[in-house]
PDB file of N, CA and C in Angstrom:
ATOM      1  N   UNK A   1       0.846  -1.204   0.000  1.00  0.00           N
ATOM      2  CA  UNK A   1       0.000   0.000   0.000  1.00  0.00           C
ATOM      3  C   UNK A   1       0.875   1.246   0.000  1.00  0.00           C
ATOM      4  N   UNK A   2       0.593   2.139  -0.940  1.00  0.00           N
ATOM      5  CA  UNK A   2       1.408   3.359  -1.031  1.00  0.00           C
ATOM      6  C   UNK A   2       1.097   4.296   0.123  1.00  0.00           C
ATOM      7  N   UNK A   3       2.098   5.052   0.517  1.00  0.00           N
ATOM      8  CA  UNK A   3       1.892   6.021   1.600  1.00  0.00           C
ATOM      9  C   UNK A   3       1.144   7.241   1.069  1.00  0.00           C
ATOM     10  N   UNK A   4       0.559   7.999   1.959  1.00  0.00           N
ATOM     11  CA  UNK A   4      -0.216   9.180   1.537  1.00  0.00           C
ATOM     12  C   UNK A   4       0.675  10.163   0.787  1.00  0.00           C
ATOM     13  N   UNK A   5       1.898  10.351   1.266  1.00  0.00           N
ATOM     14  CA  UNK A   5       2.805  11.305   0.604  1.00  0.00           C
ATOM     15  C   UNK A   5       3.095  10.849  -0.815  1.00  0.00           C
ATOM     16  N   UNK A   6       3.275   9.545  -0.999  1.00  0.00           N
ATOM     17  CA  UNK A   6       3.565   9.012  -2.339  1.00  0.00           C
ATOM     18  C   UNK A   6       2.370   9.264  -3.255  1.00  0.00           C
ATOM     19  N   UNK A   7       1.169   9.004  -2.747  1.00  0.00           N
ATOM     20  CA  UNK A   7      -0.044   9.214  -3.551  1.00  0.00           C
ATOM     21  C   UNK A   7      -0.171  10.686  -3.926  1.00  0.00           C
ATOM     22  N   UNK A   8       0.062  11.572  -2.952  1.00  0.00           N
ATOM     23  CA  UNK A   8      -0.053  13.004  -3.236  1.00  0.00           C
ATOM     24  C   UNK A   8       0.950  13.418  -4.303  1.00  0.00           C
ATOM     25  N   UNK A   9       2.164  12.909  -4.212  1.00  0.00           N
ATOM     26  CA  UNK A   9       3.194  13.263  -5.196  1.00  0.00           C
ATOM     27  C   UNK A   9       2.813  12.724  -6.579  1.00  0.00           C
ATOM     28  N   UNK A  10       2.355  11.489  -6.636  1.00  0.00           N
ATOM     29  CA  UNK A  10       1.951  10.914  -7.930  1.00  0.00           C
ATOM     30  C   UNK A  10       0.811  11.726  -8.522  1.00  0.00           C
ATOM     31  N   UNK A  11      -0.138  12.125  -7.689  1.00  0.00           N
ATOM     32  CA  UNK A  11      -1.281  12.924  -8.167  1.00  0.00           C
ATOM     33  C   UNK A  11      -0.793  14.278  -8.675  1.00  0.00           C
ATOM     34  N   UNK A  12       0.139  14.898  -7.948  1.00  0.00           N
ATOM     35  CA  UNK A  12       0.668  16.201  -8.367  1.00  0.00           C
ATOM     36  C   UNK A  12       1.389  16.056  -9.704  1.00  0.00           C
ATOM     37  N   UNK A  13       2.220  15.034  -9.849  1.00  0.00           N
ATOM     38  CA  UNK A  13       2.947  14.821 -11.108  1.00  0.00           C
ATOM     39  C   UNK A  13       1.956  14.565 -12.242  1.00  0.00           C
ATOM     40  N   UNK A  14       0.892  13.821 -11.942  1.00  0.00           N
ATOM     41  CA  UNK A  14      -0.111  13.522 -12.976  1.00  0.00           C
ATOM     42  C   UNK A  14      -0.775  14.814 -13.443  1.00  0.00           C
ATOM     43  N   UNK A  15      -1.120  15.687 -12.498  1.00  0.00           N
ATOM     44  CA  UNK A  15      -1.752  16.961 -12.849  1.00  0.00           C
ATOM     45  C   UNK A  15      -0.802  17.810 -13.687  1.00  0.00           C
ATOM     46  N   UNK A  16       0.470  17.838 -13.299  1.00  0.00           N
ATOM     47  CA  UNK A  16       1.459  18.631 -14.048  1.00  0.00           C
ATOM     48  C   UNK A  16       1.577  18.092 -15.467  1.00  0.00           C
ATOM     49  N   UNK A  17       1.589  16.774 -15.602  1.00  0.00           N
ATOM     50  CA  UNK A  17       1.708  16.178 -16.933  1.00  0.00           C
ATOM     51  C   UNK A  17       0.475  16.498 -17.774  1.00  0.00           C
ATOM     52  N   UNK A  18      -0.694  16.518 -17.138  1.00  0.00           N
ATOM     53  CA  UNK A  18      -1.934  16.802 -17.874  1.00  0.00           C
ATOM     54  C   UNK A  18      -1.902  18.233 -18.394  1.00  0.00           C
ATOM     55  N   UNK A  19      -1.527  19.162 -17.522  1.00  0.00           N
ATOM     56  CA  UNK A  19      -1.499  20.571 -17.920  1.00  0.00           C
ATOM     57  C   UNK A  19      -0.126  20.918 -18.486  1.00  0.00           C
TER      58      UNK A  19
END
């Protein structure tokens, strides 16, 4: 199970890649 910080970072990177 990924840690919350890892999930937040992955989500942030995903948003940056989208925009």
